[in-house]
N, C-alpha and C. Protein backbone atom coordinates (compact mmCIF):
# COMPACT_ATOMS: atom_id res chain seq x y z
N MET A 1 98.15 126.00 113.38
CA MET A 1 98.26 125.25 112.13
C MET A 1 97.27 124.08 112.19
N ASP A 2 96.37 123.99 111.20
CA ASP A 2 95.43 122.89 111.20
C ASP A 2 96.09 121.64 110.62
N LEU A 3 95.39 120.51 110.69
CA LEU A 3 95.92 119.22 110.29
C LEU A 3 96.45 119.23 108.86
N PHE A 4 95.68 119.80 107.94
CA PHE A 4 96.07 119.75 106.54
C PHE A 4 97.26 120.65 106.24
N ASP A 5 97.33 121.79 106.89
CA ASP A 5 98.53 122.63 106.75
C ASP A 5 99.75 121.89 107.28
N GLU A 6 99.56 121.17 108.38
CA GLU A 6 100.66 120.41 108.97
C GLU A 6 101.12 119.30 108.02
N LEU A 7 100.17 118.61 107.39
CA LEU A 7 100.52 117.55 106.45
C LEU A 7 101.30 118.10 105.26
N LEU A 8 100.86 119.23 104.74
CA LEU A 8 101.57 119.84 103.61
C LEU A 8 102.96 120.29 104.02
N ALA A 9 103.09 120.83 105.22
CA ALA A 9 104.41 121.23 105.73
C ALA A 9 105.31 120.01 105.91
N ASN A 10 104.71 118.92 106.42
CA ASN A 10 105.48 117.67 106.57
C ASN A 10 105.99 117.19 105.22
N ASN A 11 105.14 117.29 104.19
CA ASN A 11 105.53 116.86 102.86
C ASN A 11 106.70 117.70 102.34
N GLN A 12 106.63 119.01 102.52
CA GLN A 12 107.71 119.87 102.05
C GLN A 12 109.02 119.55 102.78
N ARG A 13 108.93 119.27 104.06
CA ARG A 13 110.12 118.90 104.84
C ARG A 13 110.69 117.57 104.34
N TRP A 14 109.81 116.61 104.06
CA TRP A 14 110.24 115.30 103.56
C TRP A 14 110.95 115.45 102.21
N VAL A 15 110.37 116.26 101.31
CA VAL A 15 110.99 116.49 100.01
C VAL A 15 112.38 117.11 100.19
N SER A 16 112.48 118.09 101.05
CA SER A 16 113.78 118.75 101.28
C SER A 16 114.81 117.76 101.81
N GLU A 17 114.39 116.89 102.72
CA GLU A 17 115.31 115.89 103.28
C GLU A 17 115.77 114.91 102.21
N ARG A 18 114.82 114.45 101.35
CA ARG A 18 115.19 113.51 100.28
C ARG A 18 116.18 114.15 99.32
N LEU A 19 115.91 115.41 98.94
CA LEU A 19 116.78 116.09 97.98
C LEU A 19 118.15 116.39 98.58
N ALA A 20 118.20 116.64 99.87
CA ALA A 20 119.49 116.87 100.52
C ALA A 20 120.33 115.60 100.50
N GLU A 21 119.67 114.45 100.65
CA GLU A 21 120.37 113.16 100.62
C GLU A 21 120.74 112.75 99.20
N ASP A 22 119.83 113.04 98.25
CA ASP A 22 120.01 112.57 96.88
C ASP A 22 119.27 113.52 95.93
N PRO A 23 119.99 114.45 95.32
CA PRO A 23 119.34 115.44 94.44
C PRO A 23 118.58 114.83 93.25
N GLU A 24 118.89 113.58 92.86
CA GLU A 24 118.25 112.94 91.72
C GLU A 24 117.10 111.99 92.12
N PHE A 25 116.77 111.96 93.41
CA PHE A 25 115.81 110.98 93.94
C PHE A 25 114.49 111.01 93.17
N PHE A 26 113.86 112.15 93.06
CA PHE A 26 112.53 112.23 92.45
C PHE A 26 112.58 112.06 90.94
N ARG A 27 113.66 112.52 90.31
CA ARG A 27 113.79 112.32 88.87
C ARG A 27 113.82 110.82 88.56
N ARG A 28 114.66 110.08 89.29
CA ARG A 28 114.75 108.63 89.07
C ARG A 28 113.42 107.94 89.39
N LEU A 29 112.82 108.34 90.49
CA LEU A 29 111.56 107.72 90.92
C LEU A 29 110.45 107.93 89.89
N SER A 30 110.44 109.08 89.25
CA SER A 30 109.37 109.39 88.29
C SER A 30 109.52 108.66 86.96
N GLU A 31 110.71 108.15 86.69
CA GLU A 31 110.97 107.55 85.38
C GLU A 31 110.58 106.08 85.28
N VAL A 32 110.64 105.35 86.38
CA VAL A 32 110.39 103.91 86.30
C VAL A 32 109.92 103.36 87.64
N GLN A 33 109.10 102.32 87.56
CA GLN A 33 108.65 101.61 88.76
C GLN A 33 109.04 100.14 88.58
N THR A 34 109.98 99.67 89.40
CA THR A 34 110.45 98.28 89.26
C THR A 34 110.57 97.58 90.61
N PRO A 35 109.49 97.53 91.37
CA PRO A 35 109.57 96.83 92.66
C PRO A 35 109.68 95.32 92.46
N ASP A 36 110.35 94.65 93.37
CA ASP A 36 110.45 93.19 93.33
C ASP A 36 109.30 92.53 94.09
N MET A 37 108.55 93.33 94.85
CA MET A 37 107.57 92.76 95.76
C MET A 37 106.22 93.44 95.68
N LEU A 38 105.17 92.61 95.71
CA LEU A 38 103.80 93.09 95.94
C LEU A 38 103.48 92.77 97.39
N TRP A 39 103.05 93.77 98.13
CA TRP A 39 102.68 93.63 99.53
C TRP A 39 101.17 93.71 99.63
N ILE A 40 100.53 92.67 100.15
CA ILE A 40 99.09 92.70 100.39
C ILE A 40 98.90 92.73 101.89
N GLY A 41 98.47 93.86 102.39
CA GLY A 41 98.36 94.05 103.84
C GLY A 41 97.01 94.60 104.24
N CYS A 42 96.87 94.80 105.53
CA CYS A 42 95.64 95.34 106.10
C CYS A 42 95.63 96.86 105.99
N SER A 43 94.44 97.43 105.90
CA SER A 43 94.28 98.88 105.85
C SER A 43 94.61 99.57 107.17
N ASP A 44 94.78 98.81 108.22
CA ASP A 44 95.05 99.35 109.55
C ASP A 44 96.17 100.41 109.48
N SER A 45 95.90 101.57 110.04
CA SER A 45 96.85 102.69 109.97
C SER A 45 98.15 102.44 110.72
N ARG A 46 98.16 101.41 111.55
CA ARG A 46 99.36 101.11 112.34
C ARG A 46 100.32 100.16 111.64
N VAL A 47 100.00 99.77 110.39
CA VAL A 47 100.82 98.79 109.67
C VAL A 47 101.22 99.32 108.29
N PRO A 48 102.06 100.37 108.25
CA PRO A 48 102.48 100.93 106.97
C PRO A 48 103.63 100.11 106.36
N ALA A 49 103.39 99.53 105.21
CA ALA A 49 104.34 98.57 104.60
C ALA A 49 105.75 99.12 104.47
N ASN A 50 105.91 100.30 103.86
CA ASN A 50 107.25 100.84 103.64
C ASN A 50 108.00 101.06 104.94
N GLN A 51 107.31 101.61 105.93
CA GLN A 51 108.00 101.95 107.17
C GLN A 51 108.43 100.71 107.95
N ILE A 52 107.57 99.71 108.06
CA ILE A 52 107.94 98.55 108.89
C ILE A 52 108.94 97.64 108.21
N THR A 53 109.12 97.79 106.89
CA THR A 53 110.12 97.00 106.18
C THR A 53 111.38 97.81 105.87
N GLY A 54 111.34 99.11 106.12
CA GLY A 54 112.49 99.96 105.83
C GLY A 54 112.72 100.18 104.35
N LEU A 55 111.67 100.02 103.54
CA LEU A 55 111.80 100.20 102.09
C LEU A 55 111.46 101.63 101.68
N GLN A 56 112.10 102.08 100.61
CA GLN A 56 111.89 103.42 100.09
C GLN A 56 110.75 103.43 99.07
N PRO A 57 110.22 104.61 98.73
CA PRO A 57 109.24 104.69 97.66
C PRO A 57 109.80 104.05 96.39
N GLY A 58 108.95 103.27 95.71
CA GLY A 58 109.37 102.60 94.49
C GLY A 58 109.88 101.18 94.70
N GLU A 59 110.08 100.77 95.96
CA GLU A 59 110.66 99.45 96.24
C GLU A 59 109.62 98.38 96.57
N VAL A 60 108.37 98.78 96.77
CA VAL A 60 107.32 97.80 97.05
C VAL A 60 106.00 98.32 96.49
N PHE A 61 105.27 97.44 95.79
CA PHE A 61 103.95 97.74 95.25
C PHE A 61 102.96 97.29 96.31
N VAL A 62 102.04 98.16 96.73
CA VAL A 62 101.22 97.89 97.91
C VAL A 62 99.74 97.87 97.59
N HIS A 63 99.08 96.84 98.15
CA HIS A 63 97.61 96.78 98.13
C HIS A 63 97.16 96.52 99.55
N ARG A 64 96.23 97.33 100.03
CA ARG A 64 95.74 97.16 101.41
C ARG A 64 94.22 97.15 101.42
N ASN A 65 93.68 96.29 102.26
CA ASN A 65 92.24 96.27 102.48
C ASN A 65 91.98 95.74 103.89
N ILE A 66 90.75 95.75 104.31
CA ILE A 66 90.43 95.28 105.65
C ILE A 66 90.79 93.80 105.78
N ALA A 67 91.70 93.51 106.71
CA ALA A 67 92.10 92.15 107.07
C ALA A 67 92.86 91.42 105.95
N ASN A 68 93.49 92.18 105.05
CA ASN A 68 94.35 91.60 103.99
C ASN A 68 93.73 90.37 103.32
N VAL A 69 92.49 90.53 102.90
CA VAL A 69 91.74 89.44 102.27
C VAL A 69 91.97 89.48 100.75
N VAL A 70 92.08 88.28 100.15
CA VAL A 70 92.27 88.18 98.69
C VAL A 70 91.17 87.28 98.11
N PRO A 71 89.95 87.77 98.06
CA PRO A 71 88.87 86.95 97.49
C PRO A 71 88.95 86.93 95.97
N ARG A 72 88.68 85.81 95.38
CA ARG A 72 88.80 85.68 93.92
C ARG A 72 87.88 86.63 93.17
N GLU A 73 86.73 86.93 93.76
CA GLU A 73 85.74 87.74 93.04
C GLU A 73 85.96 89.25 93.20
N ASP A 74 86.99 89.66 93.97
CA ASP A 74 87.24 91.08 94.18
C ASP A 74 88.05 91.66 93.03
N VAL A 75 87.42 92.50 92.23
CA VAL A 75 88.05 93.06 91.04
C VAL A 75 89.23 93.97 91.42
N ASN A 76 89.11 94.66 92.54
CA ASN A 76 90.18 95.56 92.97
C ASN A 76 91.48 94.80 93.22
N SER A 77 91.45 93.83 94.13
CA SER A 77 92.68 93.09 94.43
C SER A 77 93.14 92.28 93.22
N ALA A 78 92.22 91.72 92.46
CA ALA A 78 92.60 90.95 91.27
C ALA A 78 93.34 91.83 90.26
N SER A 79 92.90 93.07 90.10
CA SER A 79 93.56 93.98 89.17
C SER A 79 94.97 94.35 89.64
N VAL A 80 95.10 94.57 90.94
CA VAL A 80 96.41 94.88 91.51
C VAL A 80 97.36 93.71 91.29
N ILE A 81 96.89 92.51 91.58
CA ILE A 81 97.72 91.31 91.43
C ILE A 81 98.10 91.10 89.97
N GLN A 82 97.13 91.25 89.07
CA GLN A 82 97.41 91.08 87.65
C GLN A 82 98.48 92.06 87.18
N TYR A 83 98.35 93.32 87.55
CA TYR A 83 99.33 94.32 87.13
C TYR A 83 100.71 94.02 87.72
N ALA A 84 100.74 93.65 88.99
CA ALA A 84 102.02 93.36 89.65
C ALA A 84 102.72 92.17 89.01
N VAL A 85 101.95 91.14 88.68
CA VAL A 85 102.54 89.91 88.15
C VAL A 85 102.87 90.04 86.67
N THR A 86 101.96 90.59 85.88
CA THR A 86 102.17 90.59 84.42
C THR A 86 102.94 91.81 83.90
N SER A 87 102.78 92.96 84.53
CA SER A 87 103.46 94.16 84.05
C SER A 87 104.73 94.47 84.84
N LEU A 88 104.62 94.46 86.15
CA LEU A 88 105.79 94.76 86.98
C LEU A 88 106.72 93.56 87.13
N LYS A 89 106.18 92.37 86.89
CA LYS A 89 106.96 91.12 87.02
C LYS A 89 107.59 90.99 88.41
N VAL A 90 106.79 91.26 89.44
CA VAL A 90 107.31 91.10 90.81
C VAL A 90 107.75 89.66 91.02
N ARG A 91 108.73 89.46 91.87
CA ARG A 91 109.23 88.11 92.15
C ARG A 91 108.66 87.56 93.45
N HIS A 92 108.09 88.45 94.25
CA HIS A 92 107.55 88.03 95.54
C HIS A 92 106.21 88.71 95.79
N ILE A 93 105.28 87.95 96.34
CA ILE A 93 104.04 88.52 96.89
C ILE A 93 104.03 88.16 98.36
N VAL A 94 103.92 89.17 99.20
CA VAL A 94 103.84 88.96 100.65
C VAL A 94 102.43 89.30 101.10
N VAL A 95 101.76 88.31 101.71
CA VAL A 95 100.50 88.59 102.40
C VAL A 95 100.88 88.81 103.85
N CYS A 96 100.64 90.02 104.34
CA CYS A 96 101.03 90.34 105.72
C CYS A 96 99.81 90.74 106.53
N GLY A 97 99.45 89.87 107.46
CA GLY A 97 98.40 90.19 108.42
C GLY A 97 99.02 90.81 109.66
N HIS A 98 98.21 91.05 110.66
CA HIS A 98 98.77 91.56 111.92
C HIS A 98 97.90 91.11 113.09
N TYR A 99 98.57 90.86 114.20
CA TYR A 99 97.85 90.55 115.43
C TYR A 99 97.09 91.80 115.86
N GLY A 100 95.91 91.59 116.42
CA GLY A 100 95.09 92.72 116.83
C GLY A 100 94.24 93.28 115.70
N CYS A 101 94.08 92.50 114.62
CA CYS A 101 93.32 92.96 113.45
C CYS A 101 91.83 93.03 113.78
N GLY A 102 91.25 94.21 113.63
CA GLY A 102 89.83 94.40 113.91
C GLY A 102 88.93 93.64 112.94
N GLY A 103 89.37 93.51 111.69
CA GLY A 103 88.59 92.75 110.71
C GLY A 103 88.50 91.29 111.09
N VAL A 104 89.60 90.74 111.58
CA VAL A 104 89.59 89.34 112.02
C VAL A 104 88.74 89.19 113.28
N GLN A 105 88.87 90.13 114.20
CA GLN A 105 88.08 90.05 115.42
C GLN A 105 86.58 90.11 115.12
N ALA A 106 86.21 90.86 114.08
CA ALA A 106 84.79 90.97 113.71
C ALA A 106 84.19 89.62 113.34
N ALA A 107 85.03 88.68 112.90
CA ALA A 107 84.54 87.35 112.54
C ALA A 107 84.08 86.55 113.75
N PHE A 108 84.41 87.02 114.94
CA PHE A 108 83.96 86.38 116.18
C PHE A 108 82.70 87.04 116.74
N LYS A 109 82.27 88.12 116.11
CA LYS A 109 81.16 88.90 116.65
C LYS A 109 79.91 88.71 115.82
N ASP A 110 78.84 89.39 116.22
CA ASP A 110 77.57 89.32 115.51
C ASP A 110 77.70 89.88 114.10
N GLN A 111 76.74 89.53 113.28
CA GLN A 111 76.73 89.96 111.89
C GLN A 111 76.71 91.48 111.81
N LEU A 112 77.47 92.00 110.85
CA LEU A 112 77.57 93.44 110.63
C LEU A 112 76.65 93.85 109.48
N GLU A 113 76.54 95.14 109.25
CA GLU A 113 75.77 95.62 108.10
C GLU A 113 76.61 95.47 106.84
N ASP A 114 75.94 95.23 105.71
CA ASP A 114 76.64 95.21 104.42
C ASP A 114 77.05 96.64 104.07
N PRO A 115 78.14 96.82 103.38
CA PRO A 115 78.95 95.80 102.70
C PRO A 115 80.02 95.16 103.58
N LEU A 116 80.21 95.68 104.79
CA LEU A 116 81.27 95.15 105.64
C LEU A 116 81.06 93.68 105.95
N GLU A 117 79.83 93.27 106.17
CA GLU A 117 79.57 91.86 106.48
C GLU A 117 79.95 90.96 105.30
N ILE A 118 79.71 91.41 104.08
CA ILE A 118 80.09 90.62 102.90
C ILE A 118 81.59 90.36 102.92
N TRP A 119 82.36 91.36 103.31
CA TRP A 119 83.82 91.25 103.36
C TRP A 119 84.27 90.33 104.51
N ILE A 120 83.70 90.53 105.67
CA ILE A 120 84.08 89.75 106.86
C ILE A 120 83.67 88.29 106.71
N GLU A 121 82.67 88.02 105.88
CA GLU A 121 82.22 86.65 105.66
C GLU A 121 83.36 85.76 105.18
N HIS A 122 84.31 86.32 104.44
CA HIS A 122 85.47 85.53 104.00
C HIS A 122 86.24 84.99 105.21
N ILE A 123 86.36 85.81 106.24
CA ILE A 123 87.09 85.39 107.45
C ILE A 123 86.23 84.48 108.31
N ARG A 124 84.93 84.73 108.33
CA ARG A 124 84.03 83.82 109.08
C ARG A 124 84.14 82.39 108.53
N ARG A 125 84.27 82.25 107.22
CA ARG A 125 84.40 80.91 106.64
C ARG A 125 85.70 80.24 107.08
N ILE A 126 86.78 81.00 107.16
CA ILE A 126 88.05 80.45 107.64
C ILE A 126 87.89 80.02 109.10
N ARG A 127 87.21 80.84 109.88
CA ARG A 127 86.97 80.51 111.28
C ARG A 127 86.18 79.20 111.39
N THR A 128 85.16 79.03 110.56
CA THR A 128 84.34 77.81 110.60
C THR A 128 85.17 76.58 110.27
N VAL A 129 86.03 76.69 109.25
CA VAL A 129 86.87 75.56 108.84
C VAL A 129 87.79 75.12 109.99
N HIS A 130 88.27 76.10 110.76
CA HIS A 130 89.24 75.81 111.83
C HIS A 130 88.61 75.89 113.22
N ASN A 131 87.30 75.74 113.30
CA ASN A 131 86.58 75.91 114.56
C ASN A 131 87.10 75.01 115.66
N GLU A 132 87.39 73.76 115.34
CA GLU A 132 87.86 72.82 116.36
C GLU A 132 89.19 73.26 116.95
N GLU A 133 90.11 73.66 116.09
CA GLU A 133 91.42 74.14 116.56
C GLU A 133 91.26 75.40 117.42
N LEU A 134 90.44 76.32 116.97
CA LEU A 134 90.26 77.58 117.69
C LEU A 134 89.59 77.35 119.04
N ASP A 135 88.58 76.50 119.08
CA ASP A 135 87.88 76.22 120.33
C ASP A 135 88.78 75.56 121.37
N ALA A 136 89.81 74.87 120.91
CA ALA A 136 90.72 74.18 121.83
C ALA A 136 91.70 75.13 122.52
N LEU A 137 91.80 76.36 122.03
CA LEU A 137 92.73 77.32 122.62
C LEU A 137 92.16 77.86 123.94
N ALA A 138 93.06 78.36 124.78
CA ALA A 138 92.71 78.69 126.16
C ALA A 138 91.76 79.87 126.32
N ASP A 139 91.89 80.89 125.46
CA ASP A 139 91.05 82.08 125.66
C ASP A 139 90.82 82.82 124.33
N ASP A 140 89.96 83.83 124.41
CA ASP A 140 89.59 84.57 123.20
C ASP A 140 90.78 85.28 122.56
N GLN A 141 91.72 85.76 123.37
CA GLN A 141 92.90 86.44 122.84
C GLN A 141 93.73 85.49 121.97
N GLN A 142 93.92 84.27 122.44
CA GLN A 142 94.67 83.27 121.67
C GLN A 142 93.92 82.89 120.40
N ARG A 143 92.59 82.79 120.49
CA ARG A 143 91.79 82.47 119.30
C ARG A 143 91.91 83.57 118.26
N TRP A 144 91.85 84.81 118.72
CA TRP A 144 91.95 85.96 117.83
C TRP A 144 93.31 85.98 117.13
N ARG A 145 94.38 85.77 117.91
CA ARG A 145 95.73 85.75 117.32
C ARG A 145 95.86 84.61 116.30
N ARG A 146 95.34 83.44 116.66
CA ARG A 146 95.48 82.31 115.75
C ARG A 146 94.68 82.52 114.47
N LEU A 147 93.49 83.12 114.57
CA LEU A 147 92.71 83.37 113.37
C LEU A 147 93.40 84.40 112.48
N CYS A 148 94.12 85.34 113.06
CA CYS A 148 94.92 86.28 112.26
C CYS A 148 95.92 85.50 111.41
N GLU A 149 96.57 84.50 112.01
CA GLU A 149 97.54 83.66 111.28
C GLU A 149 96.84 82.81 110.22
N LEU A 150 95.74 82.16 110.62
CA LEU A 150 95.02 81.30 109.68
C LEU A 150 94.48 82.08 108.48
N ASN A 151 94.10 83.32 108.73
CA ASN A 151 93.63 84.17 107.64
C ASN A 151 94.75 84.42 106.63
N VAL A 152 95.95 84.71 107.12
CA VAL A 152 97.09 84.91 106.22
C VAL A 152 97.32 83.66 105.38
N LEU A 153 97.34 82.51 106.04
CA LEU A 153 97.59 81.24 105.33
C LEU A 153 96.52 80.99 104.26
N ALA A 154 95.27 81.30 104.58
CA ALA A 154 94.18 81.11 103.62
C ALA A 154 94.35 82.04 102.42
N GLN A 155 94.82 83.26 102.66
CA GLN A 155 94.99 84.21 101.55
C GLN A 155 96.17 83.81 100.66
N VAL A 156 97.22 83.24 101.26
CA VAL A 156 98.32 82.70 100.46
C VAL A 156 97.78 81.61 99.53
N ASP A 157 96.94 80.74 100.09
CA ASP A 157 96.33 79.67 99.29
C ASP A 157 95.46 80.24 98.18
N ASN A 158 94.66 81.27 98.50
CA ASN A 158 93.83 81.91 97.48
C ASN A 158 94.68 82.47 96.34
N LEU A 159 95.77 83.12 96.69
CA LEU A 159 96.67 83.70 95.69
C LEU A 159 97.25 82.63 94.77
N ALA A 160 97.67 81.52 95.38
CA ALA A 160 98.30 80.45 94.61
C ALA A 160 97.33 79.80 93.63
N ARG A 161 96.04 80.00 93.82
CA ARG A 161 95.02 79.41 92.94
C ARG A 161 94.54 80.38 91.86
N LEU A 162 94.97 81.63 91.93
CA LEU A 162 94.53 82.61 90.93
C LEU A 162 95.11 82.27 89.56
N ARG A 163 94.30 82.45 88.53
CA ARG A 163 94.72 82.13 87.17
C ARG A 163 95.97 82.90 86.77
N VAL A 164 96.04 84.19 87.11
CA VAL A 164 97.18 85.00 86.70
C VAL A 164 98.48 84.50 87.33
N VAL A 165 98.39 84.02 88.55
CA VAL A 165 99.57 83.49 89.25
C VAL A 165 99.99 82.16 88.64
N ARG A 166 99.00 81.28 88.43
CA ARG A 166 99.31 79.96 87.86
C ARG A 166 99.85 80.10 86.42
N SER A 167 99.33 81.04 85.69
CA SER A 167 99.80 81.28 84.33
C SER A 167 101.26 81.76 84.35
N ALA A 168 101.59 82.61 85.30
CA ALA A 168 102.98 83.08 85.41
C ALA A 168 103.92 81.90 85.69
N TRP A 169 103.51 81.01 86.58
CA TRP A 169 104.34 79.83 86.88
C TRP A 169 104.48 78.93 85.66
N GLU A 170 103.38 78.75 84.94
CA GLU A 170 103.42 77.91 83.74
C GLU A 170 104.37 78.46 82.69
N LYS A 171 104.53 79.78 82.65
CA LYS A 171 105.44 80.42 81.69
C LYS A 171 106.88 80.46 82.21
N GLY A 172 107.10 79.93 83.42
CA GLY A 172 108.44 79.91 83.97
C GLY A 172 108.84 81.16 84.72
N GLN A 173 107.89 82.04 84.99
CA GLN A 173 108.19 83.26 85.73
C GLN A 173 108.49 82.93 87.19
N ARG A 174 109.57 83.51 87.70
CA ARG A 174 109.91 83.31 89.11
C ARG A 174 108.97 84.14 89.97
N LEU A 175 108.21 83.47 90.81
CA LEU A 175 107.24 84.15 91.66
C LEU A 175 107.01 83.32 92.91
N ALA A 176 107.21 83.92 94.06
CA ALA A 176 107.00 83.24 95.34
C ALA A 176 105.99 84.01 96.17
N ILE A 177 105.12 83.27 96.84
CA ILE A 177 104.10 83.87 97.71
C ILE A 177 104.45 83.53 99.16
N HIS A 178 104.51 84.54 100.01
CA HIS A 178 104.92 84.38 101.39
C HIS A 178 103.80 84.82 102.35
N GLY A 179 103.73 84.19 103.50
CA GLY A 179 102.77 84.58 104.53
C GLY A 179 103.51 85.10 105.76
N TRP A 180 103.28 86.36 106.09
CA TRP A 180 103.91 87.00 107.24
C TRP A 180 102.84 87.57 108.16
N ILE A 181 103.25 87.85 109.38
CA ILE A 181 102.35 88.54 110.32
C ILE A 181 103.15 89.54 111.13
N TYR A 182 102.52 90.66 111.40
CA TYR A 182 103.16 91.78 112.11
C TYR A 182 102.57 91.87 113.51
N ASP A 183 103.44 92.08 114.49
CA ASP A 183 102.98 92.20 115.87
C ASP A 183 102.99 93.66 116.29
N LEU A 184 101.82 94.22 116.51
CA LEU A 184 101.72 95.62 116.92
C LEU A 184 102.41 95.88 118.25
N CYS A 185 102.52 94.86 119.10
CA CYS A 185 103.06 95.06 120.45
C CYS A 185 104.57 95.23 120.47
N ASP A 186 105.28 94.67 119.48
CA ASP A 186 106.74 94.83 119.48
C ASP A 186 107.30 95.34 118.15
N GLY A 187 106.43 95.52 117.16
CA GLY A 187 106.88 96.07 115.88
C GLY A 187 107.60 95.09 114.98
N LEU A 188 107.59 93.80 115.33
CA LEU A 188 108.34 92.82 114.57
C LEU A 188 107.47 92.07 113.56
N LEU A 189 108.06 91.82 112.40
CA LEU A 189 107.45 90.96 111.39
C LEU A 189 107.86 89.53 111.65
N ASN A 190 106.93 88.61 111.46
CA ASN A 190 107.22 87.19 111.65
C ASN A 190 106.81 86.41 110.42
N ASP A 191 107.71 85.57 109.94
CA ASP A 191 107.44 84.68 108.81
C ASP A 191 106.65 83.49 109.34
N LEU A 192 105.49 83.24 108.75
CA LEU A 192 104.66 82.12 109.20
C LEU A 192 105.11 80.78 108.62
N GLY A 193 106.21 80.79 107.90
CA GLY A 193 106.79 79.54 107.42
C GLY A 193 106.10 78.94 106.21
N VAL A 194 105.40 79.77 105.46
CA VAL A 194 104.77 79.28 104.24
C VAL A 194 105.33 80.08 103.07
N CYS A 195 105.78 79.36 102.05
CA CYS A 195 106.28 79.99 100.83
C CYS A 195 105.89 79.09 99.67
N VAL A 196 105.06 79.62 98.77
CA VAL A 196 104.60 78.86 97.61
C VAL A 196 105.30 79.39 96.38
N GLU A 197 106.03 78.52 95.67
CA GLU A 197 106.84 78.97 94.54
C GLU A 197 106.42 78.32 93.22
N GLY A 198 105.34 77.56 93.23
CA GLY A 198 104.89 76.93 92.00
C GLY A 198 103.58 76.21 92.21
N PRO A 199 102.97 75.74 91.12
CA PRO A 199 101.64 75.13 91.21
C PRO A 199 101.62 73.82 91.99
N GLU A 200 102.76 73.15 92.11
CA GLU A 200 102.77 71.89 92.84
C GLU A 200 102.65 72.11 94.34
């Protein structure tokens, strides 16, 4: 059995398991999408949002890119955020980075070829802003881990400054932005202690 046959067989098994648990699962799922949360995470294959949070299909709206970056000029992430906030009316946006992020590590290395370098430049700027703090750490591993955290915090700040988010707050919409980080070594999510719930 080749990879694609195996994937299709896995899908059929998954469908059978869902229907055995709940015969109406797919009918309900197909009728409406009402997640409370937008998850902005890294594209890393080891950090699947639904699985690490224990959420079912339909319970979280997901956007993933290299190093969970939210640049204002990125039409893709901006469109996802706009739809989540204005149409789905999510109540929470979680920016979730992870330790061991290759995109963050690239910000410590030589310049890459475009378009990847254009993307990593967002993280290089965060590194430059926090250079003194990072240089004071004992080794490269600690610097890498800390930049993963600082990147999440910077993306929370970017989100809080987006027009669509600020407009939602001005209209009285309940919306909170959270910064989390996932540890590949133990599988645990950690709250970085930042939660932005309004323009102030």
